[in-house]
Amino acid sequence: AGPAGTMGYAIVLKDNTNGFTHWAIWDIPANVLSLPEDVSQASHTPPVPAGSKQVGGNNESLGYIRPCPPSGTDNYVFTLYAQKTLPLAGVTTSQFAADVKTQLDKAANNLATSTLSTKVTR
């Protein structure tokens, strides 16, 4: 469970090697403590977790873009945000994942963040 007052969660996947933000999902209800292995890419509002919204890193994706460096090794970072409000203010599905990350990084939108870094080699 998140910090006291957590209304929901958001997750952002960013490739720190090239600065590309692959995916953002937010408005995950606070009682949801895991995501399915394959969050549907068919919609900005995946059926699971109910109520969540997502965007990809470019206009070619509605959702999750998996880590896949063009060559060599890239450093990917997953950031988990504990949202103060649900729904998250100032964020829409017409934005790209990097824009959503900028909004999430504003302290007014979240109670806490946690990161997980991993390296992926192709």
PDB file of N, CA and C in Angstrom:
ATOM      1  N   ALA A   1       0.842  -1.189   0.000  1.00  0.00           N
ATOM      2  CA  ALA A   1       0.000   0.000   0.000  1.00  0.00           C
ATOM      3  C   ALA A   1       0.883   1.247   0.000  1.00  0.00           C
ATOM      4  N   GLY A   2       0.344   2.314  -0.527  1.00  0.00           N
ATOM      5  CA  GLY A   2       1.077   3.569  -0.628  1.00  0.00           C
ATOM      6  C   GLY A   2       1.009   4.372   0.660  1.00  0.00           C
ATOM      7  N   PRO A   3       1.571   5.564   0.636  1.00  0.00           N
ATOM      8  CA  PRO A   3       1.531   6.428   1.811  1.00  0.00           C
ATOM      9  C   PRO A   3       0.099   6.833   2.154  1.00  0.00           C
ATOM     10  N   ALA A   4      -0.114   7.245   3.397  1.00  0.00           N
ATOM     11  CA  ALA A   4      -1.439   7.696   3.828  1.00  0.00           C
ATOM     12  C   ALA A   4      -1.948   8.770   2.890  1.00  0.00           C
ATOM     13  N   GLY A   5      -3.200   8.660   2.507  1.00  0.00           N
ATOM     14  CA  GLY A   5      -3.804   9.639   1.617  1.00  0.00           C
ATOM     15  C   GLY A   5      -3.708   9.296   0.143  1.00  0.00           C
ATOM     16  N   THR A   6      -3.088   8.164  -0.191  1.00  0.00           N
ATOM     17  CA  THR A   6      -2.966   7.760  -1.596  1.00  0.00           C
ATOM     18  C   THR A   6      -4.342   7.446  -2.169  1.00  0.00           C
ATOM     19  N   MET A   7      -4.689   8.152  -3.239  1.00  0.00           N
ATOM     20  CA  MET A   7      -5.972   7.932  -3.913  1.00  0.00           C
ATOM     21  C   MET A   7      -5.824   7.020  -5.128  1.00  0.00           C
ATOM     22  N   GLY A   8      -4.621   6.991  -5.702  1.00  0.00           N
ATOM     23  CA  GLY A   8      -4.375   6.172  -6.878  1.00  0.00           C
ATOM     24  C   GLY A   8      -2.893   6.127  -7.183  1.00  0.00           C
ATOM     25  N   TYR A   9      -2.559   5.436  -8.264  1.00  0.00           N
ATOM     26  CA  TYR A   9      -1.159   5.282  -8.670  1.00  0.00           C
ATOM     27  C   TYR A   9      -0.987   5.623 -10.146  1.00  0.00           C
ATOM     28  N   ALA A  10       0.232   5.952 -10.491  1.00  0.00           N
ATOM     29  CA  ALA A  10       0.630   6.148 -11.878  1.00  0.00           C
ATOM     30  C   ALA A  10       1.989   5.496 -12.063  1.00  0.00           C
ATOM     31  N   ILE A  11       2.258   5.021 -13.272  1.00  0.00           N
ATOM     32  CA  ILE A  11       3.555   4.422 -13.604  1.00  0.00           C
ATOM     33  C   ILE A  11       4.015   5.013 -14.920  1.00  0.00           C
ATOM     34  N   VAL A  12       5.306   5.354 -14.981  1.00  0.00           N
ATOM     35  CA  VAL A  12       5.906   5.874 -16.208  1.00  0.00           C
ATOM     36  C   VAL A  12       7.128   5.027 -16.528  1.00  0.00           C
ATOM     37  N   LEU A  13       7.274   4.636 -17.795  1.00  0.00           N
ATOM     38  CA  LEU A  13       8.446   3.903 -18.271  1.00  0.00           C
ATOM     39  C   LEU A  13       9.244   4.824 -19.178  1.00  0.00           C
ATOM     40  N   LYS A  14      10.502   5.072 -18.797  1.00  0.00           N
ATOM     41  CA  LYS A  14      11.363   5.964 -19.576  1.00  0.00           C
ATOM     42  C   LYS A  14      12.693   5.277 -19.877  1.00  0.00           C
ATOM     43  N   ASP A  15      13.170   5.444 -21.100  1.00  0.00           N
ATOM     44  CA  ASP A  15      14.498   4.993 -21.501  1.00  0.00           C
ATOM     45  C   ASP A  15      15.447   6.144 -21.218  1.00  0.00           C
ATOM     46  N   ASN A  16      16.219   6.046 -20.152  1.00  0.00           N
ATOM     47  CA  ASN A  16      17.130   7.134 -19.777  1.00  0.00           C
ATOM     48  C   ASN A  16      18.342   7.234 -20.695  1.00  0.00           C
ATOM     49  N   THR A  17      18.625   6.196 -21.455  1.00  0.00           N
ATOM     50  CA  THR A  17      19.763   6.246 -22.363  1.00  0.00           C
ATOM     51  C   THR A  17      19.508   7.225 -23.498  1.00  0.00           C
ATOM     52  N   ASN A  18      18.287   7.203 -24.046  1.00  0.00           N
ATOM     53  CA  ASN A  18      18.005   8.115 -25.165  1.00  0.00           C
ATOM     54  C   ASN A  18      16.948   9.169 -24.834  1.00  0.00           C
ATOM     55  N   GLY A  19      16.457   9.170 -23.591  1.00  0.00           N
ATOM     56  CA  GLY A  19      15.511  10.191 -23.165  1.00  0.00           C
ATOM     57  C   GLY A  19      14.092  10.011 -23.661  1.00  0.00           C
ATOM     58  N   PHE A  20      13.751   8.827 -24.189  1.00  0.00           N
ATOM     59  CA  PHE A  20      12.410   8.582 -24.714  1.00  0.00           C
ATOM     60  C   PHE A  20      11.514   7.997 -23.627  1.00  0.00           C
ATOM     61  N   THR A  21      10.376   8.626 -23.392  1.00  0.00           N
ATOM     62  CA  THR A  21       9.397   8.106 -22.436  1.00  0.00           C
ATOM     63  C   THR A  21       8.435   7.211 -23.205  1.00  0.00           C
ATOM     64  N   HIS A  22       8.461   5.921 -22.881  1.00  0.00           N
ATOM     65  CA  HIS A  22       7.709   4.909 -23.632  1.00  0.00           C
ATOM     66  C   HIS A  22       6.227   4.848 -23.291  1.00  0.00           C
ATOM     67  N   TRP A  23       5.895   5.063 -22.000  1.00  0.00           N
ATOM     68  CA  TRP A  23       4.536   4.761 -21.573  1.00  0.00           C
ATOM     69  C   TRP A  23       4.217   5.455 -20.270  1.00  0.00           C
ATOM     70  N   ALA A  24       2.969   5.845 -20.119  1.00  0.00           N
ATOM     71  CA  ALA A  24       2.462   6.353 -18.843  1.00  0.00           C
ATOM     72  C   ALA A  24       1.059   5.792 -18.631  1.00  0.00           C
ATOM     73  N   ILE A  25       0.814   5.313 -17.431  1.00  0.00           N
ATOM     74  CA  ILE A  25      -0.524   4.864 -17.037  1.00  0.00           C
ATOM     75  C   ILE A  25      -0.818   5.523 -15.699  1.00  0.00           C
ATOM     76  N   TRP A  26      -2.029   6.052 -15.544  1.00  0.00           N
ATOM     77  CA  TRP A  26      -2.371   6.762 -14.314  1.00  0.00           C
ATOM     78  C   TRP A  26      -3.831   6.505 -13.969  1.00  0.00           C
ATOM     79  N   ASP A  27      -4.230   7.044 -12.827  1.00  0.00           N
ATOM     80  CA  ASP A  27      -5.575   6.823 -12.291  1.00  0.00           C
ATOM     81  C   ASP A  27      -5.834   5.345 -12.007  1.00  0.00           C
ATOM     82  N   ILE A  28      -4.779   4.642 -11.614  1.00  0.00           N
ATOM     83  CA  ILE A  28      -4.923   3.262 -11.145  1.00  0.00           C
ATOM     84  C   ILE A  28      -5.485   3.361  -9.724  1.00  0.00           C
ATOM     85  N   PRO A  29      -6.650   2.784  -9.439  1.00  0.00           N
ATOM     86  CA  PRO A  29      -7.221   2.896  -8.097  1.00  0.00           C
ATOM     87  C   PRO A  29      -6.259   2.399  -7.014  1.00  0.00           C
ATOM     88  N   ALA A  30      -6.310   3.047  -5.850  1.00  0.00           N
ATOM     89  CA  ALA A  30      -5.377   2.736  -4.764  1.00  0.00           C
ATOM     90  C   ALA A  30      -5.467   1.294  -4.282  1.00  0.00           C
ATOM     91  N   ASN A  31      -6.610   0.635  -4.476  1.00  0.00           N
ATOM     92  CA  ASN A  31      -6.733  -0.754  -4.033  1.00  0.00           C
ATOM     93  C   ASN A  31      -6.127  -1.749  -5.024  1.00  0.00           C
ATOM     94  N   VAL A  32      -5.662  -1.278  -6.178  1.00  0.00           N
ATOM     95  CA  VAL A  32      -5.023  -2.145  -7.171  1.00  0.00           C
ATOM     96  C   VAL A  32      -3.525  -2.175  -6.883  1.00  0.00           C
ATOM     97  N   LEU A  33      -2.999  -3.350  -6.556  1.00  0.00           N
ATOM     98  CA  LEU A  33      -1.596  -3.460  -6.174  1.00  0.00           C
ATOM     99  C   LEU A  33      -0.749  -4.198  -7.200  1.00  0.00           C
ATOM    100  N   SER A  34      -1.331  -4.537  -8.359  1.00  0.00           N
ATOM    101  CA  SER A  34      -0.555  -5.161  -9.430  1.00  0.00           C
ATOM    102  C   SER A  34      -1.254  -4.898 -10.759  1.00  0.00           C
ATOM    103  N   LEU A  35      -0.489  -4.990 -11.827  1.00  0.00           N
ATOM    104  CA  LEU A  35      -1.022  -4.845 -13.179  1.00  0.00           C
ATOM    105  C   LEU A  35      -0.978  -6.203 -13.865  1.00  0.00           C
ATOM    106  N   PRO A  36      -1.867  -6.414 -14.834  1.00  0.00           N
ATOM    107  CA  PRO A  36      -1.761  -7.655 -15.597  1.00  0.00           C
ATOM    108  C   PRO A  36      -0.450  -7.662 -16.384  1.00  0.00           C
ATOM    109  N   GLU A  37       0.006  -8.832 -16.753  1.00  0.00           N
ATOM    110  CA  GLU A  37       1.269  -8.956 -17.480  1.00  0.00           C
ATOM    111  C   GLU A  37       1.262  -8.162 -18.780  1.00  0.00           C
ATOM    112  N   ASP A  38       0.120  -8.064 -19.421  1.00  0.00           N
ATOM    113  CA  ASP A  38       0.035  -7.369 -20.697  1.00  0.00           C
ATOM    114  C   ASP A  38      -1.143  -6.400 -20.682  1.00  0.00           C
ATOM    115  N   VAL A  39      -0.903  -5.158 -20.253  1.00  0.00           N
ATOM    116  CA  VAL A  39      -1.960  -4.149 -20.256  1.00  0.00           C
ATOM    117  C   VAL A  39      -2.352  -3.903 -21.711  1.00  0.00           C
ATOM    118  N   SER A  40      -3.635  -3.952 -21.983  1.00  0.00           N
ATOM    119  CA  SER A  40      -4.134  -3.792 -23.349  1.00  0.00           C
ATOM    120  C   SER A  40      -3.645  -2.498 -23.990  1.00  0.00           C
ATOM    121  N   GLN A  41      -3.156  -2.598 -25.231  1.00  0.00           N
ATOM    122  CA  GLN A  41      -2.734  -1.430 -25.997  1.00  0.00           C
ATOM    123  C   GLN A  41      -3.847  -0.922 -26.901  1.00  0.00           C
ATOM    124  N   ALA A  42      -5.004  -1.540 -26.848  1.00  0.00           N
ATOM    125  CA  ALA A  42      -6.077  -1.233 -27.786  1.00  0.00           C
ATOM    126  C   ALA A  42      -6.829   0.051 -27.462  1.00  0.00           C
ATOM    127  N   SER A  43      -6.591   0.608 -26.282  1.00  0.00           N
ATOM    128  CA  SER A  43      -7.369   1.764 -25.863  1.00  0.00           C
ATOM    129  C   SER A  43      -6.585   2.620 -24.873  1.00  0.00           C
ATOM    130  N   HIS A  44      -6.909   3.921 -24.827  1.00  0.00           N
ATOM    131  CA  HIS A  44      -6.350   4.793 -23.805  1.00  0.00           C
ATOM    132  C   HIS A  44      -6.947   4.489 -22.437  1.00  0.00           C
ATOM    133  N   THR A  45      -8.027   3.715 -22.419  1.00  0.00           N
ATOM    134  CA  THR A  45      -8.671   3.325 -21.166  1.00  0.00           C
ATOM    135  C   THR A  45      -8.749   1.800 -21.114  1.00  0.00           C
ATOM    136  N   PRO A  46      -7.659   1.152 -20.695  1.00  0.00           N
ATOM    137  CA  PRO A  46      -7.657  -0.313 -20.682  1.00  0.00           C
ATOM    138  C   PRO A  46      -8.702  -0.853 -19.706  1.00  0.00           C
ATOM    139  N   PRO A  47      -9.259  -2.038 -19.998  1.00  0.00           N
ATOM    140  CA  PRO A  47     -10.269  -2.610 -19.116  1.00  0.00           C
ATOM    141  C   PRO A  47      -9.712  -2.982 -17.737  1.00  0.00           C
ATOM    142  N   VAL A  48      -8.433  -3.291 -17.685  1.00  0.00           N
ATOM    143  CA  VAL A  48      -7.776  -3.642 -16.427  1.00  0.00           C
ATOM    144  C   VAL A  48      -6.479  -2.851 -16.345  1.00  0.00           C
ATOM    145  N   PRO A  49      -6.263  -2.109 -15.272  1.00  0.00           N
ATOM    146  CA  PRO A  49      -7.161  -1.891 -14.150  1.00  0.00           C
ATOM    147  C   PRO A  49      -8.259  -0.887 -14.488  1.00  0.00           C
ATOM    148  N   ALA A  50      -9.468  -1.193 -14.054  1.00  0.00           N
ATOM    149  CA  ALA A  50     -10.638  -0.361 -14.339  1.00  0.00           C
ATOM    150  C   ALA A  50     -10.408   1.066 -13.866  1.00  0.00           C
ATOM    151  N   GLY A  51     -10.756   2.019 -14.714  1.00  0.00           N
ATOM    152  CA  GLY A  51     -10.623   3.430 -14.366  1.00  0.00           C
ATOM    153  C   GLY A  51      -9.304   4.055 -14.760  1.00  0.00           C
ATOM    154  N   SER A  52      -8.327   3.241 -15.125  1.00  0.00           N
ATOM    155  CA  SER A  52      -7.009   3.785 -15.479  1.00  0.00           C
ATOM    156  C   SER A  52      -7.017   4.362 -16.895  1.00  0.00           C
ATOM    157  N   LYS A  53      -6.027   5.197 -17.147  1.00  0.00           N
ATOM    158  CA  LYS A  53      -5.827   5.788 -18.473  1.00  0.00           C
ATOM    159  C   LYS A  53      -4.358   5.616 -18.836  1.00  0.00           C
ATOM    160  N   GLN A  54      -4.057   5.532 -20.143  1.00  0.00           N
ATOM    161  CA  GLN A  54      -2.675   5.342 -20.563  1.00  0.00           C
ATOM    162  C   GLN A  54      -2.407   6.017 -21.888  1.00  0.00           C
ATOM    163  N   VAL A  55      -1.146   6.331 -22.108  1.00  0.00           N
ATOM    164  CA  VAL A  55      -0.682   6.838 -23.396  1.00  0.00           C
ATOM    165  C   VAL A  55       0.697   6.272 -23.679  1.00  0.00           C
ATOM    166  N   GLY A  56       1.010   6.174 -24.960  1.00  0.00           N
ATOM    167  CA  GLY A  56       2.333   5.750 -25.379  1.00  0.00           C
ATOM    168  C   GLY A  56       3.235   6.957 -25.562  1.00  0.00           C
ATOM    169  N   GLY A  57       4.420   6.685 -26.025  1.00  0.00           N
ATOM    170  CA  GLY A  57       5.416   7.734 -26.163  1.00  0.00           C
ATOM    171  C   GLY A  57       5.330   8.512 -27.460  1.00  0.00           C
ATOM    172  N   ASN A  58       4.482   8.071 -28.374  1.00  0.00           N
ATOM    173  CA  ASN A  58       4.341   8.766 -29.652  1.00  0.00           C
ATOM    174  C   ASN A  58       2.919   8.570 -30.167  1.00  0.00           C
ATOM    175  N   ASN A  59       2.618   9.166 -31.303  1.00  0.00           N
ATOM    176  CA  ASN A  59       1.247   9.075 -31.810  1.00  0.00           C
ATOM    177  C   ASN A  59       0.948   7.746 -32.498  1.00  0.00           C
ATOM    178  N   GLU A  60       1.865   6.798 -32.438  1.00  0.00           N
ATOM    179  CA  GLU A  60       1.639   5.489 -33.039  1.00  0.00           C
ATOM    180  C   GLU A  60       1.160   4.462 -32.019  1.00  0.00           C
ATOM    181  N   SER A  61       1.068   4.846 -30.750  1.00  0.00           N
ATOM    182  CA  SER A  61       0.710   3.891 -29.714  1.00  0.00           C
ATOM    183  C   SER A  61      -0.304   4.485 -28.751  1.00  0.00           C
ATOM    184  N   LEU A  62      -1.316   3.709 -28.416  1.00  0.00           N
ATOM    185  CA  LEU A  62      -2.293   4.116 -27.409  1.00  0.00           C
ATOM    186  C   LEU A  62      -1.802   3.795 -26.006  1.00  0.00           C
ATOM    187  N   GLY A  63      -0.798   2.908 -25.916  1.00  0.00           N
ATOM    188  CA  GLY A  63      -0.372   2.464 -24.591  1.00  0.00           C
ATOM    189  C   GLY A  63       1.041   1.939 -24.553  1.00  0.00           C
ATOM    190  N   TYR A  64       1.233   0.882 -23.806  1.00  0.00           N
ATOM    191  CA  TYR A  64       2.546   0.341 -23.457  1.00  0.00           C
ATOM    192  C   TYR A  64       3.416   0.071 -24.678  1.00  0.00           C
ATOM    193  N   ILE A  65       4.635   0.602 -24.636  1.00  0.00           N
ATOM    194  CA  ILE A  65       5.666   0.290 -25.635  1.00  0.00           C
ATOM    195  C   ILE A  65       6.806  -0.361 -24.860  1.00  0.00           C
ATOM    196  N   ARG A  66       7.050  -1.621 -25.090  1.00  0.00           N
ATOM    197  CA  ARG A  66       8.032  -2.370 -24.292  1.00  0.00           C
ATOM    198  C   ARG A  66       9.461  -1.882 -24.527  1.00  0.00           C
ATOM    199  N   PRO A  67      10.332  -2.112 -23.535  1.00  0.00           N
ATOM    200  CA  PRO A  67      11.744  -1.774 -23.714  1.00  0.00           C
ATOM    201  C   PRO A  67      12.354  -2.614 -24.832  1.00  0.00           C
ATOM    202  N   CYS A  68      12.958  -1.960 -25.799  1.00  0.00           N
ATOM    203  CA  CYS A  68      13.606  -2.660 -26.902  1.00  0.00           C
ATOM    204  C   CYS A  68      14.619  -1.722 -27.546  1.00  0.00           C
ATOM    205  N   PRO A  69      15.832  -1.679 -27.012  1.00  0.00           N
ATOM    206  CA  PRO A  69      16.817  -0.761 -27.578  1.00  0.00           C
ATOM    207  C   PRO A  69      17.151  -1.130 -29.020  1.00  0.00           C
ATOM    208  N   PRO A  70      17.433  -0.129 -29.872  1.00  0.00           N
ATOM    209  CA  PRO A  70      17.769  -0.411 -31.263  1.00  0.00           C
ATOM    210  C   PRO A  70      19.034  -1.265 -31.389  1.00  0.00           C
ATOM    211  N   SER A  71      19.985  -1.050 -30.493  1.00  0.00           N
ATOM    212  CA  SER A  71      21.207  -1.862 -30.435  1.00  0.00           C
ATOM    213  C   SER A  71      21.900  -1.563 -29.117  1.00  0.00           C
ATOM    214  N   GLY A  72      22.738  -2.469 -28.683  1.00  0.00           N
ATOM    215  CA  GLY A  72      23.467  -2.244 -27.442  1.00  0.00           C
ATOM    216  C   GLY A  72      22.577  -2.386 -26.224  1.00  0.00           C
ATOM    217  N   THR A  73      22.912  -1.633 -25.181  1.00  0.00           N
ATOM    218  CA  THR A  73      22.213  -1.698 -23.910  1.00  0.00           C
ATOM    219  C   THR A  73      21.663  -0.330 -23.545  1.00  0.00           C
ATOM    220  N   ASP A  74      20.388  -0.286 -23.164  1.00  0.00           N
ATOM    221  CA  ASP A  74      19.765   0.951 -22.701  1.00  0.00           C
ATOM    222  C   ASP A  74      19.319   0.777 -21.258  1.00  0.00           C
ATOM    223  N   ASN A  75      19.272   1.894 -20.525  1.00  0.00           N
ATOM    224  CA  ASN A  75      18.856   1.900 -19.133  1.00  0.00           C
ATOM    225  C   ASN A  75      17.408   2.390 -19.047  1.00  0.00           C
ATOM    226  N   TYR A  76      16.508   1.514 -18.614  1.00  0.00           N
ATOM    227  CA  TYR A  76      15.093   1.832 -18.510  1.00  0.00           C
ATOM    228  C   TYR A  76      14.727   2.048 -17.043  1.00  0.00           C
ATOM    229  N   VAL A  77      13.875   3.043 -16.799  1.00  0.00           N
ATOM    230  CA  VAL A  77      13.452   3.357 -15.441  1.00  0.00           C
ATOM    231  C   VAL A  77      11.930   3.360 -15.372  1.00  0.00           C
ATOM    232  N   PHE A  78      11.403   2.579 -14.454  1.00  0.00           N
ATOM    233  CA  PHE A  78       9.983   2.603 -14.132  1.00  0.00           C
ATOM    234  C   PHE A  78       9.829   3.485 -12.900  1.00  0.00           C
ATOM    235  N   THR A  79       8.944   4.473 -12.963  1.00  0.00           N
ATOM    236  CA  THR A  79       8.672   5.325 -11.811  1.00  0.00           C
ATOM    237  C   THR A  79       7.220   5.125 -11.401  1.00  0.00           C
ATOM    238  N   LEU A  80       7.034   4.822 -10.125  1.00  0.00           N
ATOM    239  CA  LEU A  80       5.707   4.650  -9.543  1.00  0.00           C
ATOM    240  C   LEU A  80       5.378   5.907  -8.742  1.00  0.00           C
ATOM    241  N   TYR A  81       4.228   6.485  -9.021  1.00  0.00           N
ATOM    242  CA  TYR A  81       3.766   7.683  -8.317  1.00  0.00           C
ATOM    243  C   TYR A  81       2.559   7.325  -7.463  1.00  0.00           C
ATOM    244  N   ALA A  82       2.518   7.841  -6.239  1.00  0.00           N
ATOM    245  CA  ALA A  82       1.323   7.755  -5.402  1.00  0.00           C
ATOM    246  C   ALA A  82       0.552   9.055  -5.606  1.00  0.00           C
ATOM    247  N   GLN A  83      -0.593   8.965  -6.252  1.00  0.00           N
ATOM    248  CA  GLN A  83      -1.391  10.141  -6.594  1.00  0.00           C
ATOM    249  C   GLN A  83      -2.169  10.652  -5.386  1.00  0.00           C
ATOM    250  N   LYS A  84      -2.210  11.990  -5.244  1.00  0.00           N
ATOM    251  CA  LYS A  84      -3.012  12.634  -4.197  1.00  0.00           C
ATOM    252  C   LYS A  84      -4.490  12.647  -4.552  1.00  0.00           C
ATOM    253  N   THR A  85      -4.776  12.715  -5.852  1.00  0.00           N
ATOM    254  CA  THR A  85      -6.162  12.821  -6.298  1.00  0.00           C
ATOM    255  C   THR A  85      -6.460  11.776  -7.367  1.00  0.00           C
ATOM    256  N   LEU A  86      -7.734  11.488  -7.498  1.00  0.00           N
ATOM    257  CA  LEU A  86      -8.203  10.566  -8.526  1.00  0.00           C
ATOM    258  C   LEU A  86      -9.549  11.101  -9.011  1.00  0.00           C
ATOM    259  N   PRO A  87      -9.684  11.503 -10.249  1.00  0.00           N
ATOM    260  CA  PRO A  87      -8.695  11.435 -11.323  1.00  0.00           C
ATOM    261  C   PRO A  87      -7.619  12.507 -11.188  1.00  0.00           C
ATOM    262  N   LEU A  88      -6.521  12.250 -11.877  1.00  0.00           N
ATOM    263  CA  LEU A  88      -5.379  13.148 -11.861  1.00  0.00           C
ATOM    264  C   LEU A  88      -5.683  14.403 -12.667  1.00  0.00           C
ATOM    265  N   ALA A  89      -5.531  15.557 -12.056  1.00  0.00           N
ATOM    266  CA  ALA A  89      -5.827  16.828 -12.718  1.00  0.00           C
ATOM    267  C   ALA A  89      -4.713  17.208 -13.698  1.00  0.00           C
ATOM    268  N   GLY A  90      -5.095  17.836 -14.801  1.00  0.00           N
ATOM    269  CA  GLY A  90      -4.125  18.380 -15.741  1.00  0.00           C
ATOM    270  C   GLY A  90      -3.494  17.382 -16.678  1.00  0.00           C
ATOM    271  N   VAL A  91      -4.028  16.169 -16.748  1.00  0.00           N
ATOM    272  CA  VAL A  91      -3.459  15.121 -17.597  1.00  0.00           C
ATOM    273  C   VAL A  91      -4.570  14.553 -18.477  1.00  0.00           C
ATOM    274  N   THR A  92      -4.289  14.415 -19.779  1.00  0.00           N
ATOM    275  CA  THR A  92      -5.290  13.863 -20.689  1.00  0.00           C
ATOM    276  C   THR A  92      -4.666  12.804 -21.592  1.00  0.00           C
ATOM    277  N   THR A  93      -5.508  12.011 -22.207  1.00  0.00           N
ATOM    278  CA  THR A  93      -5.027  10.965 -23.114  1.00  0.00           C
ATOM    279  C   THR A  93      -4.645  11.526 -24.483  1.00  0.00           C
ATOM    280  N   SER A  94      -4.784  12.827 -24.689  1.00  0.00           N
ATOM    281  CA  SER A  94      -4.323  13.424 -25.941  1.00  0.00           C
ATOM    282  C   SER A  94      -2.857  13.832 -25.857  1.00  0.00           C
ATOM    283  N   GLN A  95      -2.233  13.654 -24.694  1.00  0.00           N
ATOM    284  CA  GLN A  95      -0.825  13.985 -24.505  1.00  0.00           C
ATOM    285  C   GLN A  95       0.040  12.760 -24.792  1.00  0.00           C
ATOM    286  N   PHE A  96       1.349  12.997 -24.930  1.00  0.00           N
ATOM    287  CA  PHE A  96       2.302  11.896 -25.026  1.00  0.00           C
ATOM    288  C   PHE A  96       2.778  11.549 -23.620  1.00  0.00           C
ATOM    289  N   ALA A  97       3.388  10.386 -23.475  1.00  0.00           N
ATOM    290  CA  ALA A  97       3.851   9.916 -22.166  1.00  0.00           C
ATOM    291  C   ALA A  97       4.812  10.903 -21.505  1.00  0.00           C
ATOM    292  N   ALA A  98       5.679  11.558 -22.268  1.00  0.00           N
ATOM    293  CA  ALA A  98       6.627  12.517 -21.679  1.00  0.00           C
ATOM    294  C   ALA A  98       5.894  13.710 -21.071  1.00  0.00           C
ATOM    295  N   ASP A  99       4.802  14.137 -21.709  1.00  0.00           N
ATOM    296  CA  ASP A  99       4.003  15.241 -21.167  1.00  0.00           C
ATOM    297  C   ASP A  99       3.328  14.828 -19.866  1.00  0.00           C
ATOM    298  N   VAL A 100       2.834  13.600 -19.827  1.00  0.00           N
ATOM    299  CA  VAL A 100       2.198  13.090 -18.619  1.00  0.00           C
ATOM    300  C   VAL A 100       3.230  13.020 -17.498  1.00  0.00           C
ATOM    301  N   LYS A 101       4.439  12.552 -17.814  1.00  0.00           N
ATOM    302  CA  LYS A 101       5.500  12.477 -16.801  1.00  0.00           C
ATOM    303  C   LYS A 101       5.794  13.856 -16.229  1.00  0.00           C
ATOM    304  N   THR A 102       5.837  14.874 -17.073  1.00  0.00           N
ATOM    305  CA  THR A 102       6.085  16.239 -16.600  1.00  0.00           C
ATOM    306  C   THR A 102       5.019  16.654 -15.589  1.00  0.00           C
ATOM    307  N   GLN A 103       3.754  16.352 -15.893  1.00  0.00           N
ATOM    308  CA  GLN A 103       2.673  16.687 -14.966  1.00  0.00           C
ATOM    309  C   GLN A 103       2.794  15.894 -13.666  1.00  0.00           C
ATOM    310  N   LEU A 104       3.142  14.611 -13.778  1.00  0.00           N
ATOM    311  CA  LEU A 104       3.263  13.777 -12.584  1.00  0.00           C
ATOM    312  C   LEU A 104       4.429  14.217 -11.704  1.00  0.00           C
ATOM    313  N   ASP A 105       5.467  14.745 -12.305  1.00  0.00           N
ATOM    314  CA  ASP A 105       6.634  15.177 -11.532  1.00  0.00           C
ATOM    315  C   ASP A 105       6.361  16.422 -10.694  1.00  0.00           C
ATOM    316  N   LYS A 106       5.273  17.116 -10.974  1.00  0.00           N
ATOM    317  CA  LYS A 106       4.911  18.285 -10.161  1.00  0.00           C
ATOM    318  C   LYS A 106       4.426  17.796  -8.796  1.00  0.00           C
ATOM    319  N   ALA A 107       5.031  18.308  -7.746  1.00  0.00           N
ATOM    320  CA  ALA A 107       4.736  17.845  -6.387  1.00  0.00           C
ATOM    321  C   ALA A 107       3.257  17.942  -6.032  1.00  0.00           C
ATOM    322  N   ALA A 108       2.539  18.870  -6.647  1.00  0.00           N
ATOM    323  CA  ALA A 108       1.121  19.044  -6.330  1.00  0.00           C
ATOM    324  C   ALA A 108       0.292  17.816  -6.708  1.00  0.00           C
ATOM    325  N   ASN A 109       0.801  16.983  -7.605  1.00  0.00           N
ATOM    326  CA  ASN A 109       0.037  15.837  -8.089  1.00  0.00           C
ATOM    327  C   ASN A 109       0.294  14.535  -7.347  1.00  0.00           C
ATOM    328  N   ASN A 110       1.376  14.460  -6.559  1.00  0.00           N
ATOM    329  CA  ASN A 110       1.677  13.172  -5.960  1.00  0.00           C
ATOM    330  C   ASN A 110       2.192  13.288  -4.536  1.00  0.00           C
ATOM    331  N   LEU A 111       2.063  12.197  -3.815  1.00  0.00           N
ATOM    332  CA  LEU A 111       2.529  12.116  -2.433  1.00  0.00           C
ATOM    333  C   LEU A 111       3.950  11.588  -2.354  1.00  0.00           C
ATOM    334  N   ALA A 112       4.304  10.681  -3.247  1.00  0.00           N
ATOM    335  CA  ALA A 112       5.626  10.047  -3.207  1.00  0.00           C
ATOM    336  C   ALA A 112       5.912   9.387  -4.542  1.00  0.00           C
ATOM    337  N   THR A 113       7.189   9.126  -4.807  1.00  0.00           N
ATOM    338  CA  THR A 113       7.593   8.376  -5.991  1.00  0.00           C
ATOM    339  C   THR A 113       8.600   7.311  -5.584  1.00  0.00           C
ATOM    340  N   SER A 114       8.675   6.285  -6.395  1.00  0.00           N
ATOM    341  CA  SER A 114       9.654   5.221  -6.217  1.00  0.00           C
ATOM    342  C   SER A 114      10.093   4.789  -7.601  1.00  0.00           C
ATOM    343  N   THR A 115      11.368   4.435  -7.770  1.00  0.00           N
ATOM    344  CA  THR A 115      11.858   4.037  -9.092  1.00  0.00           C
ATOM    345  C   THR A 115      12.497   2.664  -9.071  1.00  0.00           C
ATOM    346  N   LEU A 116      12.457   2.034 -10.232  1.00  0.00           N
ATOM    347  CA  LEU A 116      13.126   0.766 -10.479  1.00  0.00           C
ATOM    348  C   LEU A 116      13.862   0.919 -11.792  1.00  0.00           C
ATOM    349  N   SER A 117      15.144   0.660 -11.803  1.00  0.00           N
ATOM    350  CA  SER A 117      15.956   0.794 -13.003  1.00  0.00           C
ATOM    351  C   SER A 117      16.385  -0.588 -13.472  1.00  0.00           C
ATOM    352  N   THR A 118      16.369  -0.791 -14.790  1.00  0.00           N
ATOM    353  CA  THR A 118      16.821  -2.057 -15.357  1.00  0.00           C
ATOM    354  C   THR A 118      17.537  -1.793 -16.680  1.00  0.00           C
ATOM    355  N   LYS A 119      18.469  -2.630 -17.013  1.00  0.00           N
ATOM    356  CA  LYS A 119      19.179  -2.511 -18.293  1.00  0.00           C
ATOM    357  C   LYS A 119      18.663  -3.603 -19.230  1.00  0.00           C
ATOM    358  N   VAL A 120      18.425  -3.230 -20.479  1.00  0.00           N
ATOM    359  CA  VAL A 120      17.954  -4.165 -21.492  1.00  0.00           C
ATOM    360  C   VAL A 120      18.950  -4.121 -22.644  1.00  0.00           C
ATOM    361  N   THR A 121      19.399  -5.306 -23.062  1.00  0.00           N
ATOM    362  CA  THR A 121      20.367  -5.423 -24.154  1.00  0.00           C
ATOM    363  C   THR A 121      19.725  -6.117 -25.335  1.00  0.00           C
ATOM    364  N   ARG A 122      20.027  -5.591 -26.511  1.00  0.00           N
ATOM    365  CA  ARG A 122      19.512  -6.209 -27.717  1.00  0.00           C
ATOM    366  C   ARG A 122      20.640  -6.839 -28.466  1.00  0.00           C
TER     367      ARG A 122
END
